[in-house]
Amino acid sequence: MSRGEWYARVGGLMSTDVASVERPLRAKEEDLPLYKASFDESWLIIYSPPLHASSFFDFEVLTPRLVQSTFDTVVFLDAHMGRFVLIAHR
């Protein structure tokens, strides 16, 4: 058997559930006051790991300023595809 016959390709449905992106954002916001005393600006990068089924997200749903945040900037980064969206910016 060759690798081509048994090699599992990555695939799955693209999520459009904005809440699945917003949940980690809100959880991280709880810790933000700890950092505000030390830094003038706070960014959160939500990292979508390459070839990981849970990170398949429909980028057409992610629009600039999609959510509001206490972070100065929130970025959703799809490392595998080499793209990002500023989903919150103040």
Protein backbone atom coordinates (compact mmCIF):
# COMPACT_ATOMS: atom_id res chain seq x y z
CA MET A 1 0.00 0.00 0.00
CA SER A 2 1.25 3.42 -0.79
CA ARG A 3 0.92 6.52 1.32
CA GLY A 4 -1.56 7.92 -1.15
CA GLU A 5 -4.07 5.18 -0.43
CA TRP A 6 -4.02 5.64 3.36
CA TYR A 7 -3.08 9.26 3.81
CA ALA A 8 -5.92 11.08 5.55
CA ARG A 9 -6.47 14.54 4.18
CA VAL A 10 -7.49 17.35 6.45
CA GLY A 11 -11.03 18.48 5.98
CA GLY A 12 -14.24 19.39 7.63
CA LEU A 13 -16.99 21.93 7.74
CA MET A 14 -16.03 25.56 8.03
CA SER A 15 -17.48 27.04 11.21
CA THR A 16 -19.53 30.21 11.09
CA ASP A 17 -20.17 30.29 14.86
CA VAL A 18 -18.84 33.68 15.94
CA ALA A 19 -19.40 32.68 19.59
CA SER A 20 -16.61 30.10 19.25
CA VAL A 21 -14.23 32.98 18.47
CA GLU A 22 -15.72 35.31 21.06
CA ARG A 23 -15.50 32.82 23.98
CA PRO A 24 -11.69 32.81 24.23
CA LEU A 25 -11.70 36.59 23.79
CA ARG A 26 -14.00 37.10 26.79
CA ALA A 27 -11.99 34.64 28.89
CA LYS A 28 -8.76 36.54 28.15
CA GLU A 29 -10.42 39.88 28.93
CA GLU A 30 -10.82 38.72 32.54
CA ASP A 31 -7.01 38.78 32.95
CA LEU A 32 -6.51 42.07 31.14
CA PRO A 33 -6.50 44.31 34.26
CA LEU A 34 -3.39 42.45 35.45
CA TYR A 35 -1.49 43.65 32.37
CA LYS A 36 -2.94 47.15 31.95
CA ALA A 37 -0.74 48.51 34.76
CA SER A 38 2.41 47.49 32.85
CA PHE A 39 1.53 48.22 29.22
CA ASP A 40 0.02 51.10 27.27
CA GLU A 41 -1.57 48.91 24.62
CA SER A 42 -2.99 45.39 24.69
CA TRP A 43 -3.42 43.05 21.74
CA LEU A 44 -4.94 39.59 21.66
CA ILE A 45 -4.04 37.21 18.85
CA ILE A 46 -6.43 34.30 18.42
CA TYR A 47 -4.26 31.74 16.68
CA SER A 48 -5.77 29.16 14.36
CA PRO A 49 -3.28 26.26 14.28
CA PRO A 50 -2.38 24.83 10.88
CA LEU A 51 -4.28 21.73 9.77
CA HIS A 52 -6.26 21.47 12.99
CA ALA A 53 -9.93 20.61 12.46
CA SER A 54 -11.12 22.83 15.30
CA SER A 55 -9.57 25.86 13.60
CA PHE A 56 -11.54 25.67 10.35
CA PHE A 57 -13.38 28.97 10.31
CA ASP A 58 -15.15 30.67 7.43
CA PHE A 59 -13.20 33.89 6.93
CA GLU A 60 -16.13 35.55 5.17
CA VAL A 61 -17.89 35.65 8.55
CA LEU A 62 -14.93 37.32 10.26
CA THR A 63 -15.21 40.97 9.43
CA PRO A 64 -13.20 43.92 10.70
CA ARG A 65 -14.62 45.18 14.02
CA LEU A 66 -16.89 42.16 14.30
CA VAL A 67 -16.84 42.37 18.11
CA GLN A 68 -16.08 44.97 20.75
CA SER A 69 -13.35 44.31 23.27
CA THR A 70 -11.46 45.86 26.14
CA PHE A 71 -8.29 44.87 24.25
CA ASP A 72 -6.99 47.60 21.96
CA THR A 73 -6.78 45.15 19.07
CA VAL A 74 -7.94 41.57 18.56
CA VAL A 75 -6.58 39.61 15.62
CA PHE A 76 -7.79 36.25 14.32
CA LEU A 77 -4.76 34.64 12.65
CA ASP A 78 -5.03 31.67 10.30
CA ALA A 79 -1.38 30.64 10.12
CA HIS A 80 -1.90 27.86 7.59
CA MET A 81 -3.54 30.12 5.02
CA GLY A 82 -1.37 33.13 5.90
CA ARG A 83 -4.23 35.51 6.58
CA PHE A 84 -5.65 37.52 9.44
CA VAL A 85 -8.57 39.78 10.34
CA LEU A 86 -8.67 42.57 12.91
CA ILE A 87 -11.94 41.51 14.53
CA ALA A 88 -11.76 44.26 17.18
CA HIS A 89 -9.89 47.54 17.19
CA ARG A 90 -10.21 50.68 19.30
